[in-house]
């Protein structure tokens, strides 16, 4: 009876050792994956100057666009429309629930 208990304990300990030995395996043959790069900051001034270049009120357009750009970190391409490229820009509204961003 004592022999069976000792054998069972030895068997359990050996299974645990094998389990932990397999859990510690690390493949050192592959180099680690590079860390993700932080996105480049957007030049809001330049993006908004182009966005507002055809506006009849460029100063007002640039001020609103700059505010939206700093909040959303994006400006839709082109001089108008293309809001699907930057949903945050499209969804900002004024106190009157009109679109804030040109």
Foldseek 3Di string as FASTA:
>chain_A
DVVVVVVVVVVVVVVVVVVVVVVPDDDPPDDDDDDDDDDDQDPQQVQQCQLQVPPPPSVQQSVLSSVQCVVQRDDADGNDDNCVVGVSQQCDADPVRDRSHD
